[in-house]
Amino acid sequence: TLVFCRALVEAAMFEALRRRGQITSNAKVVDQAEYKPAALRQRIKPLLTPRMWERLCGSNGVIKLADRILHSKAEVRIGEREAYDALRASFALVEELFA
């Protein structure tokens, strides 16, 4: 769940920046993979409330938890509450950026 939430968050950040003209469209770029996630996060930060930033990028935020799952050499257990909070934060981001 958290990995999918992270994908949604990164896609929403990319699209919000693109719509605001903060990412230059380039015909040679076919998807967002050429944009580093850390750079997207820094560009989007001024557009988010501090609380939203913490929910996404804080020590227990969606992105950090997904990173633990993706990059850990040991098994990572995520509870139902953390998964639910990640879903809520991800949809709240989409609402905050596009409402």
Protein backbone atom coordinates (compact mmCIF):
# COMPACT_ATOMS: atom_id res chain seq x y z
CA THR A 1 0.00 0.00 0.00
CA LEU A 2 2.72 2.45 0.95
CA VAL A 3 4.66 1.88 -2.24
CA PHE A 4 1.55 2.63 -4.31
CA CYS A 5 0.88 5.71 -2.17
CA ARG A 6 4.39 6.94 -2.84
CA ALA A 7 3.86 6.45 -6.58
CA LEU A 8 0.62 8.46 -6.39
CA VAL A 9 2.33 11.21 -4.39
CA GLU A 10 5.21 11.50 -6.86
CA ALA A 11 2.88 11.49 -9.88
CA ALA A 12 0.72 14.19 -8.27
CA MET A 13 3.76 16.33 -7.47
CA PHE A 14 5.02 16.03 -11.03
CA GLU A 15 1.64 16.88 -12.56
CA ALA A 16 1.06 19.83 -10.22
CA LEU A 17 4.45 21.29 -11.10
CA ARG A 18 3.88 20.66 -14.81
CA ARG A 19 0.51 22.42 -14.71
CA ARG A 20 2.07 25.39 -12.96
CA GLY A 21 4.83 25.61 -15.57
CA GLN A 22 7.56 24.75 -13.07
CA ILE A 23 8.65 21.71 -15.05
CA THR A 24 9.66 22.37 -18.60
CA SER A 25 7.94 20.12 -21.09
CA ASN A 26 10.41 18.44 -23.37
CA ALA A 27 9.44 16.19 -26.27
CA LYS A 28 12.41 13.94 -25.51
CA VAL A 29 11.14 13.26 -21.97
CA VAL A 30 8.47 10.59 -22.17
CA ASP A 31 7.69 10.24 -18.48
CA GLN A 32 8.62 11.53 -15.06
CA ALA A 33 11.37 8.95 -14.52
CA GLU A 34 13.95 11.46 -15.72
CA TYR A 35 13.06 13.80 -12.87
CA LYS A 36 14.63 12.86 -9.57
CA PRO A 37 12.07 12.44 -6.75
CA ALA A 38 14.14 14.53 -4.34
CA ALA A 39 14.14 17.43 -6.80
CA LEU A 40 10.37 17.15 -7.26
CA ARG A 41 9.89 17.25 -3.49
CA GLN A 42 11.98 20.39 -3.12
CA ARG A 43 10.10 22.12 -5.94
CA ILE A 44 6.69 21.22 -4.50
CA LYS A 45 7.49 22.10 -0.88
CA PRO A 46 6.54 25.81 -1.19
CA LEU A 47 3.10 24.78 -2.48
CA LEU A 48 2.26 22.60 0.53
CA THR A 49 1.21 23.40 4.05
CA PRO A 50 3.80 22.48 6.70
CA ARG A 51 1.46 19.77 8.01
CA MET A 52 1.11 18.21 4.57
CA TRP A 53 4.87 18.33 4.06
CA GLU A 54 5.36 16.47 7.35
CA ARG A 55 2.74 13.84 6.43
CA LEU A 56 4.55 13.16 3.17
CA CYS A 57 8.23 13.75 3.86
CA GLY A 58 8.58 13.69 7.64
CA SER A 59 10.28 10.90 9.55
CA ASN A 60 7.08 8.82 9.51
CA GLY A 61 5.71 10.24 6.28
CA VAL A 62 4.53 8.32 3.24
CA ILE A 63 7.78 8.71 1.34
CA LYS A 64 10.05 7.72 4.24
CA LEU A 65 7.96 4.65 5.10
CA ALA A 66 7.87 3.56 1.45
CA ASP A 67 11.65 4.04 1.24
CA ARG A 68 12.06 1.73 4.24
CA ILE A 69 9.98 -0.92 2.48
CA LEU A 70 11.72 -0.55 -0.87
CA HIS A 71 15.30 -0.27 0.31
CA SER A 72 15.49 -2.33 3.49
CA LYS A 73 17.48 -5.54 3.49
CA ALA A 74 15.31 -6.88 6.32
CA GLU A 75 11.57 -7.39 6.41
CA VAL A 76 9.67 -4.22 7.25
CA ARG A 77 6.30 -4.49 8.92
CA ILE A 78 3.79 -1.71 8.46
CA GLY A 79 0.66 -1.71 10.56
CA GLU A 80 -2.87 -1.15 9.32
CA ARG A 81 -2.96 2.27 10.94
CA GLU A 82 0.20 3.40 9.13
CA ALA A 83 -1.14 2.11 5.82
CA TYR A 84 -4.46 3.88 6.39
CA ASP A 85 -2.69 7.13 7.33
CA ALA A 86 -0.58 6.87 4.16
CA LEU A 87 -3.72 6.50 2.04
CA ARG A 88 -5.35 9.48 3.72
CA ALA A 89 -2.22 11.63 3.32
CA SER A 90 -1.86 10.68 -0.35
CA PHE A 91 -5.43 11.60 -1.20
CA ALA A 92 -5.18 14.78 0.89
CA LEU A 93 -2.15 15.80 -1.17
CA VAL A 94 -4.05 15.33 -4.42
CA GLU A 95 -6.90 17.40 -3.01
CA GLU A 96 -4.55 20.13 -1.76
CA LEU A 97 -2.73 20.41 -5.09
CA PHE A 98 -5.69 20.18 -7.46
CA ALA A 99 -8.76 21.46 -5.58
